[in-house]
Structures are given as C-alpha cells and as structure tokens.
Amino acid sequence: MKKKLSFLLFIVLAIILIGCGKDGSAGTIHVTIYNFEQEEVFDGGIKFAEDDTLQDLLAEHKEIKMKGETSTFGFYIVEMVGFSSLDHENTFWNIKVNGEDSLVGISLIELVDKDVIEFHLIGW
C-alpha cells in the first residue's frame, strides 16, 4: 500500500512539474533572407515574446522592413530588405521552416524558440 501511494504521489508531482515548465511562448528565431540571385542579404536572430507574430516581427524589424499585401488567400510578402518580388517577373518569396517548405503563409507560422526560418526570392 505504501509503495502504491508513493508511486501515485510521484506521478502527480511529475505532472505538476511538467505543467509548470517553460511553455515555449518566448524565445529567439533565426532568420535568413536570400535575394533573387540567392545571395544572403540578412542573417540573424530575432527575439520574440508570447503575443508576437512572425508577420509583425518582420514588418517592424529595422533591417528587414517586410512589406506585403493582404488578399483573400492571406498576407502575400512583396518586399524584404529592400528586395521586391515585383522587380522580377513571376517571382515570390518562398518560406522554409527548419529546412522544409512551409505549408502555410507567413501569418499562420507559429513562433517556436530556436526555429530557423529562411526566405528565398524565387521564380516560378
């Protein structure tokens, strides 16, 4: 009986400790941006807080100064670090998160500590 009670107490404490752990709602992401010639034009870490969004962070960043347009499909990136998709025919900003093409637009990408996010201006 004493062993069962000790085991139950251990499980309850473990659940409480896990629940009180860091929730990952703040941290730093690493952002790299490549122009149409695939030259690196920005590379650095950006800190974020719980209520931040990737879209707002990049729009307000002093070097990146992301600009875009909102359509029925969501936010469309037009310009980053002074490089515009409108300067080249049939181009767009491709987004990769941790080396994989993003399946969602910038407005839906969740900020996770230590994520690596790349933006490539590419043709289609």
N, C-alpha and C. Protein backbone atom coordinates (compact mmCIF):
# COMPACT_ATOMS: atom_id res chain seq x y z
N MET A 1 0.82 -1.19 0.00
CA MET A 1 0.00 0.00 0.00
C MET A 1 0.87 1.26 0.00
N LYS A 2 1.93 1.23 0.80
CA LYS A 2 2.81 2.38 0.89
C LYS A 2 3.52 2.65 -0.44
N LYS A 3 3.88 1.57 -1.16
CA LYS A 3 4.53 1.72 -2.46
C LYS A 3 3.57 2.33 -3.47
N LYS A 4 2.32 1.91 -3.45
CA LYS A 4 1.33 2.44 -4.39
C LYS A 4 1.10 3.93 -4.14
N LEU A 5 1.03 4.32 -2.87
CA LEU A 5 0.83 5.72 -2.52
C LEU A 5 2.04 6.55 -2.93
N SER A 6 3.23 6.03 -2.73
CA SER A 6 4.45 6.73 -3.14
C SER A 6 4.50 6.88 -4.66
N PHE A 7 4.14 5.84 -5.37
CA PHE A 7 4.13 5.90 -6.83
C PHE A 7 3.10 6.91 -7.32
N LEU A 8 1.92 6.91 -6.74
CA LEU A 8 0.88 7.85 -7.12
C LEU A 8 1.31 9.29 -6.85
N LEU A 9 1.96 9.53 -5.72
CA LEU A 9 2.46 10.85 -5.38
C LEU A 9 3.54 11.29 -6.38
N PHE A 10 4.40 10.36 -6.77
CA PHE A 10 5.43 10.65 -7.75
C PHE A 10 4.82 11.06 -9.10
N ILE A 11 3.82 10.35 -9.55
CA ILE A 11 3.14 10.66 -10.81
C ILE A 11 2.49 12.04 -10.74
N VAL A 12 1.81 12.35 -9.66
CA VAL A 12 1.15 13.65 -9.51
C VAL A 12 2.19 14.78 -9.54
N LEU A 13 3.29 14.62 -8.83
CA LEU A 13 4.34 15.63 -8.82
C LEU A 13 4.97 15.79 -10.20
N ALA A 14 5.16 14.70 -10.90
CA ALA A 14 5.74 14.78 -12.26
C ALA A 14 4.82 15.56 -13.19
N ILE A 15 3.53 15.31 -13.11
CA ILE A 15 2.56 16.03 -13.95
C ILE A 15 2.56 17.51 -13.61
N ILE A 16 2.62 17.83 -12.35
CA ILE A 16 2.64 19.24 -11.93
C ILE A 16 3.91 19.92 -12.43
N LEU A 17 5.06 19.28 -12.31
CA LEU A 17 6.32 19.87 -12.76
C LEU A 17 6.34 20.05 -14.28
N ILE A 18 5.83 19.10 -15.00
CA ILE A 18 5.78 19.22 -16.45
C ILE A 18 4.84 20.35 -16.85
N GLY A 19 3.73 20.47 -16.18
CA GLY A 19 2.76 21.53 -16.47
C GLY A 19 3.29 22.91 -16.15
N CYS A 20 4.20 23.03 -15.21
CA CYS A 20 4.76 24.32 -14.83
C CYS A 20 6.03 24.65 -15.59
N GLY A 21 6.45 23.78 -16.47
CA GLY A 21 7.67 24.01 -17.22
C GLY A 21 7.51 25.12 -18.24
N LYS A 22 8.61 25.45 -18.89
CA LYS A 22 8.61 26.51 -19.90
C LYS A 22 7.69 26.10 -21.04
N ASP A 23 6.81 27.02 -21.44
CA ASP A 23 5.82 26.69 -22.45
C ASP A 23 6.26 27.06 -23.86
N GLY A 24 7.44 27.60 -24.04
CA GLY A 24 7.94 27.92 -25.36
C GLY A 24 7.27 29.13 -25.99
N SER A 25 6.64 29.97 -25.19
CA SER A 25 5.91 31.10 -25.74
C SER A 25 6.80 32.31 -26.01
N ALA A 26 8.06 32.23 -25.69
CA ALA A 26 9.00 33.32 -25.98
C ALA A 26 10.34 32.68 -26.31
N GLY A 27 11.15 33.41 -27.05
CA GLY A 27 12.45 32.87 -27.41
C GLY A 27 13.08 33.65 -28.54
N THR A 28 13.88 32.94 -29.33
CA THR A 28 14.60 33.55 -30.45
C THR A 28 14.47 32.64 -31.67
N ILE A 29 14.19 33.26 -32.81
CA ILE A 29 14.20 32.54 -34.08
C ILE A 29 15.40 33.02 -34.87
N HIS A 30 15.89 32.19 -35.76
CA HIS A 30 16.99 32.59 -36.64
C HIS A 30 16.42 32.79 -38.04
N VAL A 31 16.61 33.97 -38.60
CA VAL A 31 16.05 34.32 -39.90
C VAL A 31 17.18 34.59 -40.90
N THR A 32 17.06 33.98 -42.08
CA THR A 32 17.98 34.23 -43.18
C THR A 32 17.16 34.58 -44.41
N ILE A 33 17.58 35.62 -45.12
CA ILE A 33 16.86 36.08 -46.30
C ILE A 33 17.82 36.09 -47.49
N TYR A 34 17.34 35.56 -48.63
CA TYR A 34 18.14 35.49 -49.85
C TYR A 34 17.43 36.26 -50.96
N ASN A 35 18.18 37.05 -51.72
CA ASN A 35 17.60 37.80 -52.83
C ASN A 35 17.40 36.87 -54.03
N PHE A 36 17.00 37.44 -55.18
CA PHE A 36 16.71 36.65 -56.37
C PHE A 36 17.94 35.89 -56.87
N GLU A 37 19.11 36.46 -56.68
CA GLU A 37 20.35 35.79 -57.09
C GLU A 37 20.82 34.78 -56.04
N GLN A 38 20.01 34.56 -55.01
CA GLN A 38 20.28 33.64 -53.90
C GLN A 38 21.51 34.06 -53.10
N GLU A 39 21.72 35.38 -53.03
CA GLU A 39 22.76 35.93 -52.17
C GLU A 39 22.12 36.25 -50.81
N GLU A 40 22.81 35.91 -49.76
CA GLU A 40 22.31 36.17 -48.41
C GLU A 40 22.31 37.68 -48.16
N VAL A 41 21.13 38.23 -47.84
CA VAL A 41 21.04 39.68 -47.61
C VAL A 41 20.69 40.00 -46.15
N PHE A 42 20.31 38.99 -45.38
CA PHE A 42 20.09 39.16 -43.95
C PHE A 42 20.30 37.82 -43.28
N ASP A 43 20.94 37.83 -42.13
CA ASP A 43 21.14 36.61 -41.35
C ASP A 43 21.27 37.02 -39.89
N GLY A 44 20.31 36.62 -39.07
CA GLY A 44 20.39 36.98 -37.67
C GLY A 44 19.27 36.42 -36.82
N GLY A 45 19.47 36.55 -35.53
CA GLY A 45 18.47 36.11 -34.58
C GLY A 45 17.49 37.23 -34.25
N ILE A 46 16.24 36.86 -34.04
CA ILE A 46 15.20 37.82 -33.67
C ILE A 46 14.47 37.27 -32.46
N LYS A 47 14.46 38.06 -31.39
CA LYS A 47 13.77 37.65 -30.17
C LYS A 47 12.28 37.92 -30.32
N PHE A 48 11.48 37.05 -29.70
CA PHE A 48 10.04 37.24 -29.72
C PHE A 48 9.44 36.98 -28.35
N ALA A 49 8.27 37.59 -28.13
CA ALA A 49 7.52 37.40 -26.88
C ALA A 49 6.25 36.61 -27.19
N GLU A 50 5.53 36.30 -26.17
CA GLU A 50 4.35 35.43 -26.28
C GLU A 50 3.33 35.92 -27.30
N ASP A 51 3.05 37.19 -27.36
CA ASP A 51 2.00 37.71 -28.23
C ASP A 51 2.49 38.14 -29.61
N ASP A 52 3.77 37.98 -29.91
CA ASP A 52 4.32 38.39 -31.20
C ASP A 52 3.89 37.42 -32.30
N THR A 53 3.84 37.96 -33.53
CA THR A 53 3.63 37.13 -34.72
C THR A 53 4.83 37.32 -35.64
N LEU A 54 5.11 36.34 -36.45
CA LEU A 54 6.23 36.45 -37.39
C LEU A 54 6.00 37.61 -38.34
N GLN A 55 4.78 37.75 -38.82
CA GLN A 55 4.46 38.83 -39.74
C GLN A 55 4.76 40.20 -39.13
N ASP A 56 4.34 40.43 -37.91
CA ASP A 56 4.60 41.71 -37.24
C ASP A 56 6.08 41.92 -36.95
N LEU A 57 6.76 40.87 -36.50
CA LEU A 57 8.20 40.99 -36.20
C LEU A 57 9.00 41.43 -37.42
N LEU A 58 8.70 40.82 -38.56
CA LEU A 58 9.47 41.13 -39.77
C LEU A 58 9.09 42.48 -40.35
N ALA A 59 7.84 42.87 -40.23
CA ALA A 59 7.41 44.18 -40.73
C ALA A 59 8.02 45.31 -39.91
N GLU A 60 8.18 45.08 -38.61
CA GLU A 60 8.70 46.11 -37.72
C GLU A 60 10.22 46.07 -37.54
N HIS A 61 10.88 45.04 -38.06
CA HIS A 61 12.32 44.89 -37.89
C HIS A 61 13.04 46.01 -38.65
N LYS A 62 14.04 46.63 -38.01
CA LYS A 62 14.71 47.81 -38.58
C LYS A 62 15.48 47.53 -39.87
N GLU A 63 15.93 46.31 -40.09
CA GLU A 63 16.65 45.98 -41.32
C GLU A 63 15.75 45.28 -42.34
N ILE A 64 14.88 44.41 -41.89
CA ILE A 64 14.07 43.60 -42.81
C ILE A 64 12.96 44.43 -43.45
N LYS A 65 12.22 45.18 -42.66
CA LYS A 65 11.15 46.06 -43.15
C LYS A 65 10.25 45.39 -44.19
N MET A 66 9.73 44.21 -43.82
CA MET A 66 8.89 43.45 -44.74
C MET A 66 7.64 44.24 -45.12
N LYS A 67 7.29 44.18 -46.40
CA LYS A 67 6.06 44.79 -46.90
C LYS A 67 5.29 43.74 -47.66
N GLY A 68 3.99 43.91 -47.72
CA GLY A 68 3.18 42.95 -48.44
C GLY A 68 1.78 43.44 -48.68
N GLU A 69 0.97 42.52 -49.18
CA GLU A 69 -0.41 42.81 -49.50
C GLU A 69 -1.30 41.72 -48.91
N THR A 70 -2.49 42.12 -48.49
CA THR A 70 -3.45 41.15 -47.98
C THR A 70 -4.48 40.86 -49.06
N SER A 71 -4.70 39.57 -49.29
CA SER A 71 -5.69 39.15 -50.28
C SER A 71 -6.64 38.15 -49.63
N THR A 72 -7.52 37.57 -50.42
CA THR A 72 -8.44 36.57 -49.88
C THR A 72 -7.70 35.32 -49.42
N PHE A 73 -6.47 35.13 -49.90
CA PHE A 73 -5.67 33.97 -49.51
C PHE A 73 -4.76 34.25 -48.32
N GLY A 74 -4.78 35.47 -47.81
CA GLY A 74 -3.94 35.84 -46.68
C GLY A 74 -2.93 36.90 -47.07
N PHE A 75 -1.89 37.01 -46.26
CA PHE A 75 -0.85 38.03 -46.48
C PHE A 75 0.17 37.51 -47.48
N TYR A 76 0.48 38.32 -48.47
CA TYR A 76 1.43 37.97 -49.52
C TYR A 76 2.65 38.89 -49.37
N ILE A 77 3.83 38.30 -49.15
CA ILE A 77 5.06 39.09 -48.99
C ILE A 77 5.46 39.66 -50.34
N VAL A 78 5.72 40.97 -50.38
CA VAL A 78 6.17 41.63 -51.60
C VAL A 78 7.63 42.03 -51.49
N GLU A 79 8.04 42.56 -50.33
CA GLU A 79 9.39 43.11 -50.21
C GLU A 79 10.00 42.77 -48.86
N MET A 80 11.30 42.45 -48.89
CA MET A 80 12.08 42.23 -47.68
C MET A 80 13.49 42.78 -47.92
N VAL A 81 14.04 43.49 -46.95
CA VAL A 81 15.38 44.07 -47.01
C VAL A 81 15.58 44.88 -48.31
N GLY A 82 14.52 45.50 -48.76
CA GLY A 82 14.60 46.32 -49.97
C GLY A 82 14.52 45.56 -51.28
N PHE A 83 14.39 44.24 -51.24
CA PHE A 83 14.27 43.43 -52.45
C PHE A 83 12.81 43.06 -52.66
N SER A 84 12.31 43.37 -53.85
CA SER A 84 10.89 43.21 -54.13
C SER A 84 10.63 42.10 -55.15
N SER A 85 9.57 41.35 -54.92
CA SER A 85 9.15 40.34 -55.89
C SER A 85 8.62 40.99 -57.16
N LEU A 86 8.28 42.27 -57.09
CA LEU A 86 7.77 42.98 -58.25
C LEU A 86 8.88 43.41 -59.21
N ASP A 87 10.14 43.31 -58.77
CA ASP A 87 11.28 43.69 -59.60
C ASP A 87 11.63 42.62 -60.64
N HIS A 88 11.10 41.42 -60.47
CA HIS A 88 11.37 40.31 -61.38
C HIS A 88 10.03 39.68 -61.78
N GLU A 89 9.97 39.20 -62.98
CA GLU A 89 8.74 38.59 -63.47
C GLU A 89 8.54 37.21 -62.85
N ASN A 90 7.30 36.90 -62.47
CA ASN A 90 6.92 35.58 -61.96
C ASN A 90 7.76 35.12 -60.77
N THR A 91 7.87 35.95 -59.76
CA THR A 91 8.63 35.59 -58.56
C THR A 91 7.76 35.69 -57.32
N PHE A 92 8.19 35.01 -56.27
CA PHE A 92 7.53 35.09 -54.98
C PHE A 92 8.54 34.76 -53.88
N TRP A 93 8.15 35.05 -52.65
CA TRP A 93 9.01 34.75 -51.50
C TRP A 93 8.65 33.36 -50.98
N ASN A 94 9.58 32.41 -51.16
CA ASN A 94 9.41 31.06 -50.65
C ASN A 94 9.86 31.04 -49.19
N ILE A 95 9.10 30.37 -48.33
CA ILE A 95 9.41 30.30 -46.90
C ILE A 95 9.78 28.88 -46.52
N LYS A 96 10.89 28.73 -45.82
CA LYS A 96 11.29 27.43 -45.29
C LYS A 96 11.41 27.53 -43.77
N VAL A 97 10.86 26.56 -43.08
CA VAL A 97 10.96 26.49 -41.62
C VAL A 97 11.72 25.21 -41.28
N ASN A 98 12.86 25.40 -40.64
CA ASN A 98 13.74 24.28 -40.28
C ASN A 98 14.07 23.41 -41.50
N GLY A 99 14.33 24.07 -42.64
CA GLY A 99 14.75 23.37 -43.85
C GLY A 99 13.64 22.82 -44.72
N GLU A 100 12.40 22.91 -44.27
CA GLU A 100 11.26 22.38 -45.02
C GLU A 100 10.40 23.53 -45.54
N ASP A 101 9.89 23.39 -46.78
CA ASP A 101 8.99 24.41 -47.31
C ASP A 101 7.77 24.53 -46.39
N SER A 102 7.40 25.76 -46.08
CA SER A 102 6.24 25.99 -45.23
C SER A 102 4.97 25.65 -46.00
N LEU A 103 4.06 24.99 -45.33
CA LEU A 103 2.78 24.63 -45.94
C LEU A 103 1.72 25.69 -45.68
N VAL A 104 2.08 26.72 -44.92
CA VAL A 104 1.16 27.81 -44.61
C VAL A 104 1.85 29.14 -44.89
N GLY A 105 1.06 30.19 -45.01
CA GLY A 105 1.60 31.52 -45.23
C GLY A 105 2.21 32.09 -43.97
N ILE A 106 2.87 33.22 -44.13
CA ILE A 106 3.59 33.84 -43.02
C ILE A 106 2.70 34.17 -41.83
N SER A 107 1.46 34.51 -42.09
CA SER A 107 0.57 34.90 -40.99
C SER A 107 0.16 33.71 -40.13
N LEU A 108 0.38 32.48 -40.60
CA LEU A 108 0.00 31.29 -39.84
C LEU A 108 1.18 30.53 -39.25
N ILE A 109 2.40 31.00 -39.49
CA ILE A 109 3.58 30.31 -38.95
C ILE A 109 3.72 30.64 -37.47
N GLU A 110 3.73 29.61 -36.64
CA GLU A 110 3.88 29.80 -35.20
C GLU A 110 5.34 30.02 -34.86
N LEU A 111 5.58 30.90 -33.90
CA LEU A 111 6.94 31.16 -33.43
C LEU A 111 7.32 30.12 -32.39
N VAL A 112 8.42 29.43 -32.66
CA VAL A 112 8.92 28.40 -31.74
C VAL A 112 10.40 28.70 -31.51
N ASP A 113 10.80 28.71 -30.26
CA ASP A 113 12.18 29.02 -29.90
C ASP A 113 13.15 28.13 -30.68
N LYS A 114 14.18 28.75 -31.22
CA LYS A 114 15.28 28.11 -31.95
C LYS A 114 14.90 27.64 -33.35
N ASP A 115 13.72 27.98 -33.84
CA ASP A 115 13.38 27.65 -35.22
C ASP A 115 14.26 28.45 -36.17
N VAL A 116 14.55 27.87 -37.32
CA VAL A 116 15.32 28.51 -38.37
C VAL A 116 14.36 28.77 -39.54
N ILE A 117 14.19 30.04 -39.89
CA ILE A 117 13.25 30.42 -40.94
C ILE A 117 14.01 31.12 -42.05
N GLU A 118 13.84 30.62 -43.27
CA GLU A 118 14.52 31.18 -44.44
C GLU A 118 13.49 31.72 -45.42
N PHE A 119 13.86 32.81 -46.08
CA PHE A 119 13.05 33.41 -47.12
C PHE A 119 13.90 33.49 -48.38
N HIS A 120 13.40 32.90 -49.49
CA HIS A 120 14.10 32.91 -50.77
C HIS A 120 13.21 33.57 -51.81
N LEU A 121 13.73 34.59 -52.48
CA LEU A 121 13.01 35.20 -53.58
C LEU A 121 13.29 34.33 -54.81
N ILE A 122 12.27 33.61 -55.28
CA ILE A 122 12.48 32.66 -56.36
C ILE A 122 11.45 32.85 -57.48
N GLY A 123 11.76 32.33 -58.64
CA GLY A 123 10.85 32.36 -59.78
C GLY A 123 10.02 31.10 -59.85
N TRP A 124 8.91 31.20 -60.57
CA TRP A 124 8.06 30.02 -60.77
C TRP A 124 7.77 29.77 -62.20
